[in-house]
Amino acid sequence: MTPSDYAFLRKFLKERSGLDLSSDKQYLVESRLIPLARAGGLPGIAELVARLKGGSDPLTAAVVEAMTTNETFFFRDRIPFNHLRETIFPALARARANRRALRIWCAAASTGQEPYSIAMSVKEFAGLGGWRVEIIATDLSQAVLEKAKAGIFSQFEVQRGLPIQMLVKYFTQTGELWQLNADIRAMVEHRQLNLLQDFSHLGMFDVIFCRNVLIYFDHDTKVGIFDRLARVLEPDGVLALGAAESVVGMSDAFRPYPDKRGLYRPNAAPTARAAKETMPALKLIASAR
C-alpha cells in the first residue's frame, strides 16, 4: 500500500464512520481490505482505492464494515449490568411509576449480545413486570444487525459471559447452535445508524448504552456525539460508557453518576443551550403572527 493510498483510506474511513486510524495502522488496513479487494475481483489495495475514488460503489459500505470492530459478548464487563439491576432500574421504576414505560438505546450494538443482555436484565427485574420496555439497538453495519435479528449464536458465543441459568432459561439449542427465544428477540428493535449523523429522530430515552465505540473516535467527534446524546436523554436518564471511556475533562454535557463507575447523568447545560437555540425561531413565529 502506498502512503497516498493509506492517507486516502484514513480520511475516507474517518468521514464515513468516525474511525480515527493512527499512522501506524497500515498493517491492520491491509489485513482487512486485501481479502475484500480480492473477493471483489480486484488485485489489491490500489485498485480498491481507485474504485472508492470513483464515487458511489457497493464496495464503499463493505470497506467501512470490514474496518469496523465488532468485538462483543453477553454481559460484557458485568459492572454496567449490575448497575442496571441494583441502581438504574430501581430508580426508574420509582420515577416512571405512573407511565410504566421505559425506552433504552443500545448504540453500536454489533451482533446483538449487548441489547439482548439488557433485554434479559429487564425480564429478570421483577419491578418492571407488565411494563412497556422498548429497546432500540443500532449499528453502522447492516450485516451484523441481520445476525443480531436472527438471535442465533455459537457455543463459543454463549459461553462468553452468559450465565448458564440464563442460557437454559432463554435459549433453545439446535444442533451446535443456540437460538434466543422469540419473546426476548421481540423486545429489541434493530436499526442501522451512523453515530456521526443526526439521531434525534430516535426520540428520547431513559437509558443509553454507548459502550466501547467512542474509543475509536477523535476528540472533536466524541464531544459532538456527547452533546447530541445529552439531547436525547431524559433529564434524569443515565448514560453508560465502556470501561475505557469517560466524559470527564472532555464534555460538559454529562456529569459522573455518584459512586457508579461508567455511569453519567446529563447536565442541564445542553438542554438549556437547545432551548436557547430555538428562541430566535419562536420569536420569528410570534412576530409573523
C-alpha atoms as a PDB file:
ATOM      1  CA  MET A   1       0.000   0.000   0.000  1.00  0.00           C
ATOM      2  CA  THR A   2       1.411   3.394  -0.952  1.00  0.00           C
ATOM      3  CA  PRO A   3       1.458   6.281   1.546  1.00  0.00           C
ATOM      4  CA  SER A   4      -1.030   8.206  -0.594  1.00  0.00           C
ATOM      5  CA  ASP A   5      -3.442   5.247  -0.690  1.00  0.00           C
ATOM      6  CA  TYR A   6      -3.234   4.905   3.082  1.00  0.00           C
ATOM      7  CA  ALA A   7      -3.771   8.641   3.560  1.00  0.00           C
ATOM      8  CA  PHE A   8      -6.876   8.438   1.364  1.00  0.00           C
ATOM      9  CA  LEU A   9      -8.248   5.449   3.311  1.00  0.00           C
ATOM     10  CA  ARG A  10      -7.650   7.164   6.674  1.00  0.00           C
ATOM     11  CA  LYS A  11      -9.591  10.209   5.508  1.00  0.00           C
ATOM     12  CA  PHE A  12     -12.292   8.080   3.856  1.00  0.00           C
ATOM     13  CA  LEU A  13     -12.895   5.950   6.981  1.00  0.00           C
ATOM     14  CA  LYS A  14     -12.927   8.938   9.317  1.00  0.00           C
ATOM     15  CA  GLU A  15     -15.522  10.740   7.197  1.00  0.00           C
ATOM     16  CA  ARG A  16     -17.720   7.666   6.751  1.00  0.00           C
ATOM     17  CA  SER A  17     -17.517   6.026  10.177  1.00  0.00           C
ATOM     18  CA  GLY A  18     -15.587   8.273  12.559  1.00  0.00           C
ATOM     19  CA  LEU A  19     -12.781   5.710  12.779  1.00  0.00           C
ATOM     20  CA  ASP A  20      -9.595   7.612  13.597  1.00  0.00           C
ATOM     21  CA  LEU A  21      -6.670   5.479  12.403  1.00  0.00           C
ATOM     22  CA  SER A  22      -3.183   6.376  13.537  1.00  0.00           C
ATOM     23  CA  SER A  23      -0.291   6.468  11.100  1.00  0.00           C
ATOM     24  CA  ASP A  24       0.986   3.060  12.251  1.00  0.00           C
ATOM     25  CA  LYS A  25      -2.171   1.044  11.476  1.00  0.00           C
ATOM     26  CA  GLN A  26      -1.360   0.353   7.829  1.00  0.00           C
ATOM     27  CA  TYR A  27      -0.895  -3.355   8.587  1.00  0.00           C
ATOM     28  CA  LEU A  28      -4.423  -3.539  10.011  1.00  0.00           C
ATOM     29  CA  VAL A  29      -5.941  -1.905   6.943  1.00  0.00           C
ATOM     30  CA  GLU A  30      -4.068  -4.244   4.627  1.00  0.00           C
ATOM     31  CA  SER A  31      -5.056  -7.371   6.575  1.00  0.00           C
ATOM     32  CA  ARG A  32      -8.734  -6.476   6.370  1.00  0.00           C
ATOM     33  CA  LEU A  33      -9.015  -4.866   2.944  1.00  0.00           C
ATOM     34  CA  ILE A  34      -6.782  -7.065   0.756  1.00  0.00           C
ATOM     35  CA  PRO A  35      -9.147 -10.075   1.181  1.00  0.00           C
ATOM     36  CA  LEU A  36     -12.094  -7.776   0.492  1.00  0.00           C
ATOM     37  CA  ALA A  37     -10.470  -6.424  -2.670  1.00  0.00           C
ATOM     38  CA  ARG A  38      -9.702  -9.891  -3.975  1.00  0.00           C
ATOM     39  CA  ALA A  39     -13.209 -11.111  -3.190  1.00  0.00           C
ATOM     40  CA  GLY A  40     -14.412  -8.227  -5.358  1.00  0.00           C
ATOM     41  CA  GLY A  41     -12.177  -9.257  -8.243  1.00  0.00           C
ATOM     42  CA  LEU A  42      -9.530  -6.589  -7.641  1.00  0.00           C
ATOM     43  CA  PRO A  43      -5.771  -7.328  -7.492  1.00  0.00           C
ATOM     44  CA  GLY A  44      -5.107  -5.223  -4.408  1.00  0.00           C
ATOM     45  CA  ILE A  45      -5.452  -2.027  -2.361  1.00  0.00           C
ATOM     46  CA  ALA A  46      -4.519   0.354  -5.178  1.00  0.00           C
ATOM     47  CA  GLU A  47      -7.380  -0.838  -7.357  1.00  0.00           C
ATOM     48  CA  LEU A  48      -9.768  -0.745  -4.406  1.00  0.00           C
ATOM     49  CA  VAL A  49      -8.818   2.856  -3.657  1.00  0.00           C
ATOM     50  CA  ALA A  50      -9.350   3.756  -7.318  1.00  0.00           C
ATOM     51  CA  ARG A  51     -12.865   2.307  -7.125  1.00  0.00           C
ATOM     52  CA  LEU A  52     -13.614   4.256  -3.963  1.00  0.00           C
ATOM     53  CA  LYS A  53     -12.353   7.480  -5.526  1.00  0.00           C
ATOM     54  CA  GLY A  54     -14.709   6.906  -8.423  1.00  0.00           C
ATOM     55  CA  GLY A  55     -17.710   7.752  -6.279  1.00  0.00           C
ATOM     56  CA  SER A  56     -20.725   5.666  -5.319  1.00  0.00           C
ATOM     57  CA  ASP A  57     -19.827   1.984  -5.286  1.00  0.00           C
ATOM     58  CA  PRO A  58     -21.198  -1.087  -3.491  1.00  0.00           C
ATOM     59  CA  LEU A  59     -17.697  -1.630  -2.099  1.00  0.00           C
ATOM     60  CA  THR A  60     -17.967   1.580  -0.065  1.00  0.00           C
ATOM     61  CA  ALA A  61     -20.166   0.029   2.625  1.00  0.00           C
ATOM     62  CA  ALA A  62     -18.134  -3.180   2.533  1.00  0.00           C
ATOM     63  CA  VAL A  63     -14.899  -1.296   3.226  1.00  0.00           C
ATOM     64  CA  VAL A  64     -16.415   0.529   6.213  1.00  0.00           C
ATOM     65  CA  GLU A  65     -17.860  -2.711   7.605  1.00  0.00           C
ATOM     66  CA  ALA A  66     -14.563  -4.552   7.125  1.00  0.00           C
ATOM     67  CA  MET A  67     -12.775  -1.941   9.232  1.00  0.00           C
ATOM     68  CA  THR A  68     -15.400  -1.860  11.972  1.00  0.00           C
ATOM     69  CA  THR A  69     -14.542  -3.766  15.147  1.00  0.00           C
ATOM     70  CA  ASN A  70     -17.448  -5.964  16.230  1.00  0.00           C
ATOM     71  CA  GLU A  71     -15.961  -7.477  19.380  1.00  0.00           C
ATOM     72  CA  THR A  72     -18.788  -8.130  21.830  1.00  0.00           C
ATOM     73  CA  PHE A  73     -20.135 -10.728  24.234  1.00  0.00           C
ATOM     74  CA  PHE A  74     -23.001 -11.248  26.655  1.00  0.00           C
ATOM     75  CA  PHE A  75     -22.975  -9.146  29.848  1.00  0.00           C
ATOM     76  CA  ARG A  76     -19.641  -7.645  28.825  1.00  0.00           C
ATOM     77  CA  ASP A  77     -17.688  -6.174  31.772  1.00  0.00           C
ATOM     78  CA  ARG A  78     -20.543  -7.223  34.078  1.00  0.00           C
ATOM     79  CA  ILE A  79     -20.482  -3.967  36.104  1.00  0.00           C
ATOM     80  CA  PRO A  80     -22.879  -1.989  33.842  1.00  0.00           C
ATOM     81  CA  PHE A  81     -25.434  -4.783  34.124  1.00  0.00           C
ATOM     82  CA  ASN A  82     -25.033  -4.865  37.902  1.00  0.00           C
ATOM     83  CA  HIS A  83     -25.742  -1.125  37.789  1.00  0.00           C
ATOM     84  CA  LEU A  84     -28.891  -1.807  35.759  1.00  0.00           C
ATOM     85  CA  ARG A  85     -30.191  -4.275  38.332  1.00  0.00           C
ATOM     86  CA  GLU A  86     -29.095  -2.501  41.507  1.00  0.00           C
ATOM     87  CA  THR A  87     -29.315   1.203  40.649  1.00  0.00           C
ATOM     88  CA  ILE A  88     -30.834   2.200  37.309  1.00  0.00           C
ATOM     89  CA  PHE A  89     -33.933   0.006  37.160  1.00  0.00           C
ATOM     90  CA  PRO A  90     -34.982   0.607  40.803  1.00  0.00           C
ATOM     91  CA  ALA A  91     -34.646   4.393  40.379  1.00  0.00           C
ATOM     92  CA  LEU A  92     -36.514   4.468  37.072  1.00  0.00           C
ATOM     93  CA  ALA A  93     -39.220   2.106  38.369  1.00  0.00           C
ATOM     94  CA  ARG A  94     -39.989   4.715  41.008  1.00  0.00           C
ATOM     95  CA  ALA A  95     -39.664   7.714  38.715  1.00  0.00           C
ATOM     96  CA  ARG A  96     -41.788   6.189  35.914  1.00  0.00           C
ATOM     97  CA  ALA A  97     -44.385   4.514  38.140  1.00  0.00           C
ATOM     98  CA  ASN A  98     -47.248   6.424  36.537  1.00  0.00           C
ATOM     99  CA  ARG A  99     -46.057   5.940  32.975  1.00  0.00           C
ATOM    100  CA  ARG A 100     -44.931   2.304  33.389  1.00  0.00           C
ATOM    101  CA  ALA A 101     -42.798   2.557  30.265  1.00  0.00           C
ATOM    102  CA  LEU A 102     -39.066   2.799  29.519  1.00  0.00           C
ATOM    103  CA  ARG A 103     -37.036   3.447  26.398  1.00  0.00           C
ATOM    104  CA  ILE A 104     -33.476   2.117  26.189  1.00  0.00           C
ATOM    105  CA  TRP A 105     -30.990   2.708  23.365  1.00  0.00           C
ATOM    106  CA  CYS A 106     -28.046   0.397  22.772  1.00  0.00           C
ATOM    107  CA  ALA A 107     -25.726   2.167  20.330  1.00  0.00           C
ATOM    108  CA  ALA A 108     -23.032   0.215  18.454  1.00  0.00           C
ATOM    109  CA  ALA A 109     -24.980  -2.955  19.234  1.00  0.00           C
ATOM    110  CA  SER A 110     -22.937  -5.214  16.927  1.00  0.00           C
ATOM    111  CA  THR A 111     -24.220  -8.812  16.698  1.00  0.00           C
ATOM    112  CA  GLY A 112     -26.759  -8.346  19.476  1.00  0.00           C
ATOM    113  CA  GLN A 113     -25.194  -9.684  22.656  1.00  0.00           C
ATOM    114  CA  GLU A 114     -25.393  -6.349  24.480  1.00  0.00           C
ATOM    115  CA  PRO A 115     -29.017  -5.375  23.693  1.00  0.00           C
ATOM    116  CA  TYR A 116     -30.126  -8.946  24.390  1.00  0.00           C
ATOM    117  CA  SER A 117     -28.247  -8.838  27.708  1.00  0.00           C
ATOM    118  CA  ILE A 118     -30.239  -5.696  28.509  1.00  0.00           C
ATOM    119  CA  ALA A 119     -33.481  -7.443  27.489  1.00  0.00           C
ATOM    120  CA  MET A 120     -32.740 -10.409  29.752  1.00  0.00           C
ATOM    121  CA  SER A 121     -31.921  -7.986  32.574  1.00  0.00           C
ATOM    122  CA  VAL A 122     -35.342  -6.378  32.099  1.00  0.00           C
ATOM    123  CA  LYS A 123     -37.006  -9.787  32.248  1.00  0.00           C
ATOM    124  CA  GLU A 124     -35.136 -10.653  35.427  1.00  0.00           C
ATOM    125  CA  PHE A 125     -36.086  -7.421  37.219  1.00  0.00           C
ATOM    126  CA  ALA A 126     -39.429  -8.023  38.924  1.00  0.00           C
ATOM    127  CA  GLY A 127     -40.131  -4.301  39.356  1.00  0.00           C
ATOM    128  CA  LEU A 128     -40.643  -3.909  35.599  1.00  0.00           C
ATOM    129  CA  GLY A 129     -43.147  -6.752  35.224  1.00  0.00           C
ATOM    130  CA  GLY A 130     -46.005  -5.655  32.979  1.00  0.00           C
ATOM    131  CA  TRP A 131     -44.179  -2.508  31.837  1.00  0.00           C
ATOM    132  CA  ARG A 132     -43.708  -1.479  28.215  1.00  0.00           C
ATOM    133  CA  VAL A 133     -39.948  -1.519  27.679  1.00  0.00           C
ATOM    134  CA  GLU A 134     -38.665  -0.516  24.250  1.00  0.00           C
ATOM    135  CA  ILE A 135     -35.056  -1.393  23.408  1.00  0.00           C
ATOM    136  CA  ILE A 136     -33.565   0.150  20.256  1.00  0.00           C
ATOM    137  CA  ALA A 137     -30.336  -1.448  19.022  1.00  0.00           C
ATOM    138  CA  THR A 138     -28.354   0.427  16.356  1.00  0.00           C
ATOM    139  CA  ASP A 139     -25.151  -0.234  14.470  1.00  0.00           C
ATOM    140  CA  LEU A 140     -23.347   1.087  11.412  1.00  0.00           C
ATOM    141  CA  SER A 141     -23.117  -2.386   9.878  1.00  0.00           C
ATOM    142  CA  GLN A 142     -26.223  -3.890   8.306  1.00  0.00           C
ATOM    143  CA  ALA A 143     -24.521  -7.294   8.218  1.00  0.00           C
ATOM    144  CA  VAL A 144     -24.128  -7.535  11.989  1.00  0.00           C
ATOM    145  CA  LEU A 145     -27.671  -6.261  12.503  1.00  0.00           C
ATOM    146  CA  GLU A 146     -29.021  -9.105  10.376  1.00  0.00           C
ATOM    147  CA  LYS A 147     -27.129 -11.610  12.512  1.00  0.00           C
ATOM    148  CA  ALA A 148     -28.453  -9.918  15.648  1.00  0.00           C
ATOM    149  CA  LYS A 149     -32.049 -10.118  14.432  1.00  0.00           C
ATOM    150  CA  ALA A 150     -31.758 -13.880  13.958  1.00  0.00           C
ATOM    151  CA  GLY A 151     -30.571 -14.287  17.547  1.00  0.00           C
ATOM    152  CA  ILE A 152     -28.550 -17.399  16.698  1.00  0.00           C
ATOM    153  CA  PHE A 153     -25.240 -17.868  18.489  1.00  0.00           C
ATOM    154  CA  SER A 154     -22.480 -20.460  18.521  1.00  0.00           C
ATOM    155  CA  GLN A 155     -21.418 -22.475  21.549  1.00  0.00           C
ATOM    156  CA  PHE A 156     -18.375 -20.210  21.849  1.00  0.00           C
ATOM    157  CA  GLU A 157     -20.536 -17.061  21.807  1.00  0.00           C
ATOM    158  CA  VAL A 158     -22.953 -18.236  24.506  1.00  0.00           C
ATOM    159  CA  GLN A 159     -20.056 -19.328  26.699  1.00  0.00           C
ATOM    160  CA  ARG A 160     -18.652 -15.786  26.733  1.00  0.00           C
ATOM    161  CA  GLY A 161     -20.274 -14.039  29.673  1.00  0.00           C
ATOM    162  CA  LEU A 162     -23.698 -15.691  29.614  1.00  0.00           C
ATOM    163  CA  PRO A 163     -24.674 -17.325  32.944  1.00  0.00           C
ATOM    164  CA  ILE A 164     -25.677 -20.957  32.478  1.00  0.00           C
ATOM    165  CA  GLN A 165     -29.065 -20.382  34.117  1.00  0.00           C
ATOM    166  CA  MET A 166     -29.902 -17.715  31.522  1.00  0.00           C
ATOM    167  CA  LEU A 167     -28.726 -19.959  28.685  1.00  0.00           C
ATOM    168  CA  VAL A 168     -31.135 -22.667  29.841  1.00  0.00           C
ATOM    169  CA  LYS A 169     -33.946 -20.196  30.512  1.00  0.00           C
ATOM    170  CA  TYR A 170     -33.824 -18.010  27.407  1.00  0.00           C
ATOM    171  CA  PHE A 171     -32.240 -20.118  24.628  1.00  0.00           C
ATOM    172  CA  THR A 172     -33.152 -23.193  22.620  1.00  0.00           C
ATOM    173  CA  GLN A 173     -30.408 -25.460  21.300  1.00  0.00           C
ATOM    174  CA  THR A 174     -30.494 -26.524  17.666  1.00  0.00           C
ATOM    175  CA  GLY A 175     -27.584 -28.789  16.821  1.00  0.00           C
ATOM    176  CA  GLU A 176     -24.412 -26.905  17.683  1.00  0.00           C
ATOM    177  CA  LEU A 177     -26.167 -23.519  17.736  1.00  0.00           C
ATOM    178  CA  TRP A 178     -28.312 -21.722  20.287  1.00  0.00           C
ATOM    179  CA  GLN A 179     -31.264 -19.501  19.367  1.00  0.00           C
ATOM    180  CA  LEU A 180     -32.581 -16.841  21.686  1.00  0.00           C
ATOM    181  CA  ASN A 181     -36.243 -17.312  22.496  1.00  0.00           C
ATOM    182  CA  ALA A 182     -38.731 -15.290  20.462  1.00  0.00           C
ATOM    183  CA  ASP A 183     -40.020 -13.261  23.426  1.00  0.00           C
ATOM    184  CA  ILE A 184     -36.532 -11.853  24.131  1.00  0.00           C
ATOM    185  CA  ARG A 185     -35.829 -11.189  20.453  1.00  0.00           C
ATOM    186  CA  ALA A 186     -39.136  -9.333  20.197  1.00  0.00           C
ATOM    187  CA  MET A 187     -38.044  -6.897  22.909  1.00  0.00           C
ATOM    188  CA  VAL A 188     -35.302  -5.454  20.677  1.00  0.00           C
ATOM    189  CA  GLU A 189     -35.766  -3.360  17.541  1.00  0.00           C
ATOM    190  CA  HIS A 190     -32.708  -3.202  15.271  1.00  0.00           C
ATOM    191  CA  ARG A 191     -31.935  -0.157  13.128  1.00  0.00           C
ATOM    192  CA  GLN A 192     -28.958   0.855  11.026  1.00  0.00           C
ATOM    193  CA  LEU A 193     -27.446   4.120  12.253  1.00  0.00           C
ATOM    194  CA  ASN A 194     -24.226   6.084  11.893  1.00  0.00           C
ATOM    195  CA  LEU A 195     -23.380   7.933  15.123  1.00  0.00           C
ATOM    196  CA  LEU A 196     -21.765  10.695  13.060  1.00  0.00           C
ATOM    197  CA  GLN A 197     -25.177  11.597  11.674  1.00  0.00           C
ATOM    198  CA  ASP A 198     -28.238  13.101  13.317  1.00  0.00           C
ATOM    199  CA  PHE A 199     -30.087  10.660  15.567  1.00  0.00           C
ATOM    200  CA  SER A 200     -32.720  12.946  17.092  1.00  0.00           C
ATOM    201  CA  HIS A 201     -35.376  11.033  15.118  1.00  0.00           C
ATOM    202  CA  LEU A 202     -34.929   8.125  17.529  1.00  0.00           C
ATOM    203  CA  GLY A 203     -36.749  10.123  20.206  1.00  0.00           C
ATOM    204  CA  MET A 204     -35.991  10.434  23.913  1.00  0.00           C
ATOM    205  CA  PHE A 205     -34.506   7.697  26.080  1.00  0.00           C
ATOM    206  CA  ASP A 206     -34.333   6.828  29.762  1.00  0.00           C
ATOM    207  CA  VAL A 207     -31.113   4.802  29.396  1.00  0.00           C
ATOM    208  CA  ILE A 208     -28.406   4.893  26.732  1.00  0.00           C
ATOM    209  CA  PHE A 209     -25.677   2.264  26.423  1.00  0.00           C
ATOM    210  CA  CYS A 210     -22.912   3.662  24.203  1.00  0.00           C
ATOM    211  CA  ARG A 211     -20.051   1.407  25.159  1.00  0.00           C
ATOM    212  CA  ASN A 212     -16.691   0.586  23.599  1.00  0.00           C
ATOM    213  CA  VAL A 213     -17.222   2.596  20.422  1.00  0.00           C
ATOM    214  CA  LEU A 214     -16.154   6.157  21.279  1.00  0.00           C
ATOM    215  CA  ILE A 215     -12.588   4.972  21.879  1.00  0.00           C
ATOM    216  CA  TYR A 216     -12.177   4.798  18.090  1.00  0.00           C
ATOM    217  CA  PHE A 217     -13.091   8.474  17.533  1.00  0.00           C
ATOM    218  CA  ASP A 218     -11.010  11.624  17.842  1.00  0.00           C
ATOM    219  CA  HIS A 219     -11.649  14.263  20.500  1.00  0.00           C
ATOM    220  CA  ASP A 220     -13.876  16.590  18.469  1.00  0.00           C
ATOM    221  CA  THR A 221     -16.031  13.722  17.222  1.00  0.00           C
ATOM    222  CA  LYS A 222     -16.518  12.466  20.791  1.00  0.00           C
ATOM    223  CA  VAL A 223     -17.510  15.914  22.021  1.00  0.00           C
ATOM    224  CA  GLY A 224     -20.116  16.263  19.281  1.00  0.00           C
ATOM    225  CA  ILE A 225     -21.588  12.834  19.992  1.00  0.00           C
ATOM    226  CA  PHE A 226     -21.744  13.512  23.737  1.00  0.00           C
ATOM    227  CA  ASP A 227     -23.615  16.746  23.132  1.00  0.00           C
ATOM    228  CA  ARG A 228     -26.150  15.032  20.865  1.00  0.00           C
ATOM    229  CA  LEU A 229     -26.552  12.093  23.256  1.00  0.00           C
ATOM    230  CA  ALA A 230     -27.440  14.534  26.012  1.00  0.00           C
ATOM    231  CA  ARG A 231     -30.189  15.975  23.843  1.00  0.00           C
ATOM    232  CA  VAL A 232     -31.968  12.615  23.505  1.00  0.00           C
ATOM    233  CA  LEU A 233     -31.587  11.533  27.133  1.00  0.00           C
ATOM    234  CA  GLU A 234     -34.250  12.368  29.712  1.00  0.00           C
ATOM    235  CA  PRO A 235     -33.068  14.831  32.415  1.00  0.00           C
ATOM    236  CA  ASP A 236     -32.999  12.006  34.976  1.00  0.00           C
ATOM    237  CA  GLY A 237     -31.767   9.415  32.488  1.00  0.00           C
ATOM    238  CA  VAL A 238     -28.487   7.530  32.548  1.00  0.00           C
ATOM    239  CA  LEU A 239     -25.665   7.109  30.024  1.00  0.00           C
ATOM    240  CA  ALA A 240     -23.456   4.001  30.321  1.00  0.00           C
ATOM    241  CA  LEU A 241     -19.996   4.103  28.743  1.00  0.00           C
ATOM    242  CA  GLY A 242     -17.294   1.458  28.321  1.00  0.00           C
ATOM    243  CA  ALA A 243     -14.616   0.828  30.922  1.00  0.00           C
ATOM    244  CA  ALA A 244     -12.009   2.794  28.931  1.00  0.00           C
ATOM    245  CA  GLU A 245     -14.321   5.723  28.136  1.00  0.00           C
ATOM    246  CA  SER A 246     -15.210   8.868  30.073  1.00  0.00           C
ATOM    247  CA  VAL A 247     -16.690  12.321  29.604  1.00  0.00           C
ATOM    248  CA  VAL A 248     -14.545  13.813  32.359  1.00  0.00           C
ATOM    249  CA  GLY A 249     -12.319  16.560  31.007  1.00  0.00           C
ATOM    250  CA  MET A 250     -13.900  16.242  27.574  1.00  0.00           C
ATOM    251  CA  SER A 251     -17.514  17.415  27.685  1.00  0.00           C
ATOM    252  CA  ASP A 252     -19.817  19.366  29.982  1.00  0.00           C
ATOM    253  CA  ALA A 253     -22.868  17.595  28.574  1.00  0.00           C
ATOM    254  CA  PHE A 254     -22.717  14.952  31.325  1.00  0.00           C
ATOM    255  CA  ARG A 255     -21.573  14.563  34.902  1.00  0.00           C
ATOM    256  CA  PRO A 256     -20.492  11.317  36.611  1.00  0.00           C
ATOM    257  CA  TYR A 257     -23.195   9.361  38.427  1.00  0.00           C
ATOM    258  CA  PRO A 258     -22.149   9.388  42.122  1.00  0.00           C
ATOM    259  CA  ASP A 259     -20.109   6.315  43.083  1.00  0.00           C
ATOM    260  CA  LYS A 260     -21.089   4.352  39.959  1.00  0.00           C
ATOM    261  CA  ARG A 261     -18.161   3.883  37.588  1.00  0.00           C
ATOM    262  CA  GLY A 262     -19.093   4.207  33.936  1.00  0.00           C
ATOM    263  CA  LEU A 263     -22.475   5.885  34.543  1.00  0.00           C
ATOM    264  CA  TYR A 264     -23.276   9.535  33.743  1.00  0.00           C
ATOM    265  CA  ARG A 265     -26.212  11.906  34.115  1.00  0.00           C
ATOM    266  CA  PRO A 266     -26.979  14.740  31.696  1.00  0.00           C
ATOM    267  CA  ASN A 267     -26.184  18.269  32.803  1.00  0.00           C
ATOM    268  CA  ALA A 268     -28.779  20.985  32.406  1.00  0.00           C
ATOM    269  CA  ALA A 269     -26.459  22.951  30.109  1.00  0.00           C
ATOM    270  CA  PRO A 270     -27.095  21.057  26.826  1.00  0.00           C
ATOM    271  CA  THR A 271     -30.869  21.280  27.286  1.00  0.00           C
ATOM    272  CA  ALA A 272     -30.598  24.958  28.100  1.00  0.00           C
ATOM    273  CA  ARG A 273     -28.489  25.534  25.005  1.00  0.00           C
ATOM    274  CA  ALA A 274     -31.005  23.689  22.860  1.00  0.00           C
ATOM    275  CA  ALA A 275     -33.840  25.815  24.250  1.00  0.00           C
ATOM    276  CA  LYS A 276     -31.845  28.978  23.685  1.00  0.00           C
ATOM    277  CA  GLU A 277     -31.172  27.998  20.068  1.00  0.00           C
ATOM    278  CA  THR A 278     -34.908  27.664  19.421  1.00  0.00           C
ATOM    279  CA  MET A 279     -35.710  31.136  20.790  1.00  0.00           C
ATOM    280  CA  PRO A 280     -34.940  33.080  17.583  1.00  0.00           C
ATOM    281  CA  ALA A 281     -37.250  30.788  15.625  1.00  0.00           C
ATOM    282  CA  LEU A 282     -40.001  31.196  18.219  1.00  0.00           C
ATOM    283  CA  LYS A 283     -39.631  34.975  18.086  1.00  0.00           C
ATOM    284  CA  LEU A 284     -39.926  34.937  14.302  1.00  0.00           C
ATOM    285  CA  ILE A 285     -43.118  32.904  14.541  1.00  0.00           C
ATOM    286  CA  ALA A 286     -44.523  35.285  17.124  1.00  0.00           C
ATOM    287  CA  SER A 287     -43.669  38.353  15.042  1.00  0.00           C
ATOM    288  CA  ALA A 288     -45.224  36.752  11.964  1.00  0.00           C
ATOM    289  CA  ARG A 289     -48.495  36.477  13.826  1.00  0.00           C
END
